[in-house]
Amino acid sequence: MSTARAVIQMGIVVLLGMPVVAYLWETLNQLLSLHVNPTRLLISLPLLVVFVVWLWWLARQAQRWMEAGG
């Protein structure tokens, strides 16, 4: 994988990941303040799984890039 492609992939993760992290953070904040919104939880749980898988995929891509001598 080229350096440019790796940088673009990481940039996309940051741009798309910021709103996801903000949403999950706000959900956690509401839970800790005992304001439970069932709809928000139903959205947050699958979103959290998708986000973790997405980060795992990015980590694997970065690892492959490093192994290839990027």
PDB file of N, CA and C in Angstrom:
ATOM      1  N   MET A   1       0.854  -1.174   0.000  1.00  0.00           N
ATOM      2  CA  MET A   1       0.000   0.000   0.000  1.00  0.00           C
ATOM      3  C   MET A   1       0.900   1.237   0.000  1.00  0.00           C
ATOM      4  N   SER A   2       0.544   2.180  -0.793  1.00  0.00           N
ATOM      5  CA  SER A   2       1.357   3.388  -0.884  1.00  0.00           C
ATOM      6  C   SER A   2       1.103   4.302   0.321  1.00  0.00           C
ATOM      7  N   THR A   3       2.035   5.185   0.543  1.00  0.00           N
ATOM      8  CA  THR A   3       1.912   6.132   1.647  1.00  0.00           C
ATOM      9  C   THR A   3       0.693   7.024   1.463  1.00  0.00           C
ATOM     10  N   ALA A   4       0.473   7.474   0.233  1.00  0.00           N
ATOM     11  CA  ALA A   4      -0.670   8.357  -0.029  1.00  0.00           C
ATOM     12  C   ALA A   4      -1.982   7.650   0.290  1.00  0.00           C
ATOM     13  N   ARG A   5      -2.077   6.387  -0.087  1.00  0.00           N
ATOM     14  CA  ARG A   5      -3.311   5.641   0.180  1.00  0.00           C
ATOM     15  C   ARG A   5      -3.518   5.473   1.686  1.00  0.00           C
ATOM     16  N   ALA A   6      -2.445   5.192   2.415  1.00  0.00           N
ATOM     17  CA  ALA A   6      -2.548   5.038   3.861  1.00  0.00           C
ATOM     18  C   ALA A   6      -2.989   6.345   4.513  1.00  0.00           C
ATOM     19  N   VAL A   7      -2.438   7.440   4.076  1.00  0.00           N
ATOM     20  CA  VAL A   7      -2.799   8.749   4.637  1.00  0.00           C
ATOM     21  C   VAL A   7      -4.260   9.065   4.333  1.00  0.00           C
ATOM     22  N   ILE A   8      -4.695   8.756   3.123  1.00  0.00           N
ATOM     23  CA  ILE A   8      -6.097   9.016   2.749  1.00  0.00           C
ATOM     24  C   ILE A   8      -7.038   8.166   3.597  1.00  0.00           C
ATOM     25  N   GLN A   9      -6.706   6.885   3.782  1.00  0.00           N
ATOM     26  CA  GLN A   9      -7.546   6.014   4.601  1.00  0.00           C
ATOM     27  C   GLN A   9      -7.630   6.523   6.040  1.00  0.00           C
ATOM     28  N   MET A  10      -6.508   6.920   6.592  1.00  0.00           N
ATOM     29  CA  MET A  10      -6.518   7.425   7.967  1.00  0.00           C
ATOM     30  C   MET A  10      -7.283   8.746   8.061  1.00  0.00           C
ATOM     31  N   GLY A  11      -7.164   9.582   7.048  1.00  0.00           N
ATOM     32  CA  GLY A  11      -7.920  10.831   7.034  1.00  0.00           C
ATOM     33  C   GLY A  11      -9.417  10.590   6.984  1.00  0.00           C
ATOM     34  N   ILE A  12      -9.836   9.608   6.190  1.00  0.00           N
ATOM     35  CA  ILE A  12     -11.259   9.270   6.116  1.00  0.00           C
ATOM     36  C   ILE A  12     -11.754   8.759   7.460  1.00  0.00           C
ATOM     37  N   VAL A  13     -10.939   7.936   8.102  1.00  0.00           N
ATOM     38  CA  VAL A  13     -11.325   7.427   9.425  1.00  0.00           C
ATOM     39  C   VAL A  13     -11.483   8.574  10.410  1.00  0.00           C
ATOM     40  N   VAL A  14     -10.581   9.529  10.378  1.00  0.00           N
ATOM     41  CA  VAL A  14     -10.669  10.664  11.307  1.00  0.00           C
ATOM     42  C   VAL A  14     -11.902  11.512  10.988  1.00  0.00           C
ATOM     43  N   LEU A  15     -12.117  11.821   9.719  1.00  0.00           N
ATOM     44  CA  LEU A  15     -13.255  12.674   9.355  1.00  0.00           C
ATOM     45  C   LEU A  15     -14.596  12.018   9.662  1.00  0.00           C
ATOM     46  N   LEU A  16     -14.712  10.733   9.369  1.00  0.00           N
ATOM     47  CA  LEU A  16     -15.973  10.049   9.628  1.00  0.00           C
ATOM     48  C   LEU A  16     -16.070   9.577  11.080  1.00  0.00           C
ATOM     49  N   GLY A  17     -14.924   9.357  11.706  1.00  0.00           N
ATOM     50  CA  GLY A  17     -14.924   8.848  13.065  1.00  0.00           C
ATOM     51  C   GLY A  17     -15.219   9.893  14.120  1.00  0.00           C
ATOM     52  N   MET A  18     -14.895  11.152  13.848  1.00  0.00           N
ATOM     53  CA  MET A  18     -15.137  12.196  14.854  1.00  0.00           C
ATOM     54  C   MET A  18     -16.613  12.297  15.251  1.00  0.00           C
ATOM     55  N   PRO A  19     -17.543  12.351  14.301  1.00  0.00           N
ATOM     56  CA  PRO A  19     -18.956  12.409  14.715  1.00  0.00           C
ATOM     57  C   PRO A  19     -19.410  11.137  15.435  1.00  0.00           C
ATOM     58  N   VAL A  20     -18.856   9.996  15.035  1.00  0.00           N
ATOM     59  CA  VAL A  20     -19.221   8.734  15.690  1.00  0.00           C
ATOM     60  C   VAL A  20     -18.738   8.746  17.139  1.00  0.00           C
ATOM     61  N   VAL A  21     -17.500   9.149  17.345  1.00  0.00           N
ATOM     62  CA  VAL A  21     -16.960   9.227  18.706  1.00  0.00           C
ATOM     63  C   VAL A  21     -17.757  10.236  19.525  1.00  0.00           C
ATOM     64  N   ALA A  22     -18.103  11.360  18.936  1.00  0.00           N
ATOM     65  CA  ALA A  22     -18.887  12.367  19.656  1.00  0.00           C
ATOM     66  C   ALA A  22     -20.248  11.811  20.069  1.00  0.00           C
ATOM     67  N   TYR A  23     -20.895  11.073  19.170  1.00  0.00           N
ATOM     68  CA  TYR A  23     -22.202  10.488  19.476  1.00  0.00           C
ATOM     69  C   TYR A  23     -22.084   9.460  20.598  1.00  0.00           C
ATOM     70  N   LEU A  24     -21.082   8.584  20.484  1.00  0.00           N
ATOM     71  CA  LEU A  24     -20.880   7.568  21.517  1.00  0.00           C
ATOM     72  C   LEU A  24     -20.496   8.208  22.854  1.00  0.00           C
ATOM     73  N   TRP A  25     -19.687   9.248  22.800  1.00  0.00           N
ATOM     74  CA  TRP A  25     -19.276   9.962  24.018  1.00  0.00           C
ATOM     75  C   TRP A  25     -20.487  10.585  24.707  1.00  0.00           C
ATOM     76  N   GLU A  26     -21.348  11.216  23.929  1.00  0.00           N
ATOM     77  CA  GLU A  26     -22.548  11.839  24.495  1.00  0.00           C
ATOM     78  C   GLU A  26     -23.480  10.784  25.086  1.00  0.00           C
ATOM     79  N   THR A  27     -23.567   9.626  24.433  1.00  0.00           N
ATOM     80  CA  THR A  27     -24.378   8.540  24.969  1.00  0.00           C
ATOM     81  C   THR A  27     -23.830   8.079  26.316  1.00  0.00           C
ATOM     82  N   LEU A  28     -22.524   7.914  26.399  1.00  0.00           N
ATOM     83  CA  LEU A  28     -21.900   7.524  27.661  1.00  0.00           C
ATOM     84  C   LEU A  28     -22.123   8.597  28.728  1.00  0.00           C
ATOM     85  N   ASN A  29     -22.001   9.855  28.344  1.00  0.00           N
ATOM     86  CA  ASN A  29     -22.226  10.961  29.270  1.00  0.00           C
ATOM     87  C   ASN A  29     -23.654  10.922  29.822  1.00  0.00           C
ATOM     88  N   GLN A  30     -24.611  10.676  28.948  1.00  0.00           N
ATOM     89  CA  GLN A  30     -26.004  10.610  29.393  1.00  0.00           C
ATOM     90  C   GLN A  30     -26.247   9.409  30.306  1.00  0.00           C
ATOM     91  N   LEU A  31     -25.619   8.284  29.970  1.00  0.00           N
ATOM     92  CA  LEU A  31     -25.775   7.102  30.822  1.00  0.00           C
ATOM     93  C   LEU A  31     -25.196   7.347  32.218  1.00  0.00           C
ATOM     94  N   LEU A  32     -24.034   7.973  32.266  1.00  0.00           N
ATOM     95  CA  LEU A  32     -23.413   8.243  33.556  1.00  0.00           C
ATOM     96  C   LEU A  32     -24.195   9.251  34.392  1.00  0.00           C
ATOM     97  N   SER A  33     -24.952  10.113  33.719  1.00  0.00           N
ATOM     98  CA  SER A  33     -25.787  11.064  34.458  1.00  0.00           C
ATOM     99  C   SER A  33     -27.202  10.506  34.678  1.00  0.00           C
ATOM    100  N   LEU A  34     -27.367   9.208  34.385  1.00  0.00           N
ATOM    101  CA  LEU A  34     -28.619   8.477  34.601  1.00  0.00           C
ATOM    102  C   LEU A  34     -29.783   8.981  33.756  1.00  0.00           C
ATOM    103  N   HIS A  35     -29.486   9.512  32.593  1.00  0.00           N
ATOM    104  CA  HIS A  35     -30.512   9.882  31.619  1.00  0.00           C
ATOM    105  C   HIS A  35     -30.483   8.826  30.524  1.00  0.00           C
ATOM    106  N   VAL A  36     -31.349   7.833  30.655  1.00  0.00           N
ATOM    107  CA  VAL A  36     -31.343   6.715  29.715  1.00  0.00           C
ATOM    108  C   VAL A  36     -32.390   6.964  28.639  1.00  0.00           C
ATOM    109  N   ASN A  37     -31.922   6.981  27.400  1.00  0.00           N
ATOM    110  CA  ASN A  37     -32.798   7.118  26.244  1.00  0.00           C
ATOM    111  C   ASN A  37     -32.703   5.804  25.456  1.00  0.00           C
ATOM    112  N   PRO A  38     -33.760   4.996  25.477  1.00  0.00           N
ATOM    113  CA  PRO A  38     -33.689   3.683  24.833  1.00  0.00           C
ATOM    114  C   PRO A  38     -33.371   3.748  23.334  1.00  0.00           C
ATOM    115  N   THR A  39     -33.904   4.737  22.656  1.00  0.00           N
ATOM    116  CA  THR A  39     -33.626   4.866  21.225  1.00  0.00           C
ATOM    117  C   THR A  39     -32.148   5.142  20.993  1.00  0.00           C
ATOM    118  N   ARG A  40     -31.584   6.002  21.804  1.00  0.00           N
ATOM    119  CA  ARG A  40     -30.159   6.316  21.676  1.00  0.00           C
ATOM    120  C   ARG A  40     -29.307   5.078  21.932  1.00  0.00           C
ATOM    121  N   LEU A  41     -29.698   4.271  22.906  1.00  0.00           N
ATOM    122  CA  LEU A  41     -28.960   3.044  23.189  1.00  0.00           C
ATOM    123  C   LEU A  41     -29.064   2.054  22.034  1.00  0.00           C
ATOM    124  N   LEU A  42     -30.236   1.949  21.441  1.00  0.00           N
ATOM    125  CA  LEU A  42     -30.417   1.038  20.309  1.00  0.00           C
ATOM    126  C   LEU A  42     -29.576   1.452  19.109  1.00  0.00           C
ATOM    127  N   ILE A  43     -29.319   2.728  18.987  1.00  0.00           N
ATOM    128  CA  ILE A  43     -28.452   3.218  17.908  1.00  0.00           C
ATOM    129  C   ILE A  43     -26.985   3.056  18.295  1.00  0.00           C
ATOM    130  N   SER A  44     -26.668   3.320  19.546  1.00  0.00           N
ATOM    131  CA  SER A  44     -25.275   3.346  19.985  1.00  0.00           C
ATOM    132  C   SER A  44     -24.609   1.976  20.023  1.00  0.00           C
ATOM    133  N   LEU A  45     -25.323   0.954  20.434  1.00  0.00           N
ATOM    134  CA  LEU A  45     -24.700  -0.360  20.566  1.00  0.00           C
ATOM    135  C   LEU A  45     -24.204  -0.914  19.228  1.00  0.00           C
ATOM    136  N   PRO A  46     -25.029  -0.951  18.179  1.00  0.00           N
ATOM    137  CA  PRO A  46     -24.490  -1.411  16.893  1.00  0.00           C
ATOM    138  C   PRO A  46     -23.432  -0.454  16.335  1.00  0.00           C
ATOM    139  N   LEU A  47     -23.600   0.834  16.577  1.00  0.00           N
ATOM    140  CA  LEU A  47     -22.622   1.810  16.113  1.00  0.00           C
ATOM    141  C   LEU A  47     -21.269   1.575  16.778  1.00  0.00           C
ATOM    142  N   LEU A  48     -21.281   1.240  18.045  1.00  0.00           N
ATOM    143  CA  LEU A  48     -20.043   0.940  18.760  1.00  0.00           C
ATOM    144  C   LEU A  48     -19.352  -0.291  18.158  1.00  0.00           C
ATOM    145  N   VAL A  49     -20.117  -1.310  17.848  1.00  0.00           N
ATOM    146  CA  VAL A  49     -19.548  -2.526  17.243  1.00  0.00           C
ATOM    147  C   VAL A  49     -18.932  -2.194  15.892  1.00  0.00           C
ATOM    148  N   VAL A  50     -19.650  -1.457  15.065  1.00  0.00           N
ATOM    149  CA  VAL A  50     -19.137  -1.071  13.751  1.00  0.00           C
ATOM    150  C   VAL A  50     -17.867  -0.239  13.895  1.00  0.00           C
ATOM    151  N   PHE A  51     -17.848   0.667  14.843  1.00  0.00           N
ATOM    152  CA  PHE A  51     -16.684   1.524  15.040  1.00  0.00           C
ATOM    153  C   PHE A  51     -15.467   0.724  15.481  1.00  0.00           C
ATOM    154  N   VAL A  52     -15.654  -0.224  16.382  1.00  0.00           N
ATOM    155  CA  VAL A  52     -14.539  -1.054  16.844  1.00  0.00           C
ATOM    156  C   VAL A  52     -13.999  -1.909  15.703  1.00  0.00           C
ATOM    157  N   VAL A  53     -14.886  -2.492  14.907  1.00  0.00           N
ATOM    158  CA  VAL A  53     -14.444  -3.284  13.754  1.00  0.00           C
ATOM    159  C   VAL A  53     -13.705  -2.402  12.763  1.00  0.00           C
ATOM    160  N   TRP A  54     -14.206  -1.196  12.558  1.00  0.00           N
ATOM    161  CA  TRP A  54     -13.569  -0.254  11.644  1.00  0.00           C
ATOM    162  C   TRP A  54     -12.161   0.098  12.118  1.00  0.00           C
ATOM    163  N   LEU A  55     -11.996   0.358  13.414  1.00  0.00           N
ATOM    164  CA  LEU A  55     -10.671   0.656  13.957  1.00  0.00           C
ATOM    165  C   LEU A  55      -9.748  -0.555  13.865  1.00  0.00           C
ATOM    166  N   TRP A  56     -10.286  -1.740  14.091  1.00  0.00           N
ATOM    167  CA  TRP A  56      -9.491  -2.960  13.961  1.00  0.00           C
ATOM    168  C   TRP A  56      -8.986  -3.099  12.531  1.00  0.00           C
ATOM    169  N   TRP A  57      -9.870  -2.842  11.555  1.00  0.00           N
ATOM    170  CA  TRP A  57      -9.486  -2.924  10.144  1.00  0.00           C
ATOM    171  C   TRP A  57      -8.384  -1.911   9.823  1.00  0.00           C
ATOM    172  N   LEU A  58      -8.522  -0.704  10.328  1.00  0.00           N
ATOM    173  CA  LEU A  58      -7.500   0.322  10.087  1.00  0.00           C
ATOM    174  C   LEU A  58      -6.169  -0.083  10.709  1.00  0.00           C
ATOM    175  N   ALA A  59      -6.215  -0.651  11.902  1.00  0.00           N
ATOM    176  CA  ALA A  59      -4.983  -1.106  12.550  1.00  0.00           C
ATOM    177  C   ALA A  59      -4.305  -2.202  11.731  1.00  0.00           C
ATOM    178  N   ARG A  60      -5.086  -3.108  11.192  1.00  0.00           N
ATOM    179  CA  ARG A  60      -4.530  -4.163  10.337  1.00  0.00           C
ATOM    180  C   ARG A  60      -3.910  -3.574   9.069  1.00  0.00           C
ATOM    181  N   GLN A  61      -4.563  -2.593   8.492  1.00  0.00           N
ATOM    182  CA  GLN A  61      -4.026  -1.932   7.293  1.00  0.00           C
ATOM    183  C   GLN A  61      -2.695  -1.250   7.615  1.00  0.00           C
ATOM    184  N   ALA A  62      -2.646  -0.574   8.741  1.00  0.00           N
ATOM    185  CA  ALA A  62      -1.417   0.113   9.138  1.00  0.00           C
ATOM    186  C   ALA A  62      -0.312  -0.900   9.422  1.00  0.00           C
ATOM    187  N   GLN A  63      -0.665  -2.007  10.041  1.00  0.00           N
ATOM    188  CA  GLN A  63       0.322  -3.044  10.328  1.00  0.00           C
ATOM    189  C   GLN A  63       0.885  -3.618   9.028  1.00  0.00           C
ATOM    190  N   ARG A  64       0.031  -3.879   8.070  1.00  0.00           N
ATOM    191  CA  ARG A  64       0.494  -4.382   6.767  1.00  0.00           C
ATOM    192  C   ARG A  64       1.402  -3.370   6.078  1.00  0.00           C
ATOM    193  N   TRP A  65       1.030  -2.102   6.199  1.00  0.00           N
ATOM    194  CA  TRP A  65       1.829  -1.049   5.580  1.00  0.00           C
ATOM    195  C   TRP A  65       3.214  -0.998   6.220  1.00  0.00           C
ATOM    196  N   MET A  66       3.264  -1.130   7.543  1.00  0.00           N
ATOM    197  CA  MET A  66       4.537  -1.098   8.243  1.00  0.00           C
ATOM    198  C   MET A  66       5.394  -2.330   7.905  1.00  0.00           C
ATOM    199  N   GLU A  67       4.747  -3.480   7.782  1.00  0.00           N
ATOM    200  CA  GLU A  67       5.479  -4.698   7.430  1.00  0.00           C
ATOM    201  C   GLU A  67       6.042  -4.644   6.016  1.00  0.00           C
ATOM    202  N   ALA A  68       5.353  -3.921   5.149  1.00  0.00           N
ATOM    203  CA  ALA A  68       5.806  -3.801   3.768  1.00  0.00           C
ATOM    204  C   ALA A  68       6.923  -2.770   3.646  1.00  0.00           C
ATOM    205  N   GLY A  69       7.254  -2.124   4.729  1.00  0.00           N
ATOM    206  CA  GLY A  69       8.333  -1.141   4.709  1.00  0.00           C
ATOM    207  C   GLY A  69       7.895   0.239   4.329  1.00  0.00           C
ATOM    208  N   GLY A  70       6.601   0.540   4.542  1.00  0.00           N
ATOM    209  CA  GLY A  70       6.024   1.838   4.203  1.00  0.00           C
ATOM    210  C   GLY A  70       6.688   2.929   4.938  1.00  0.00           C
TER     211      GLY A  70
END
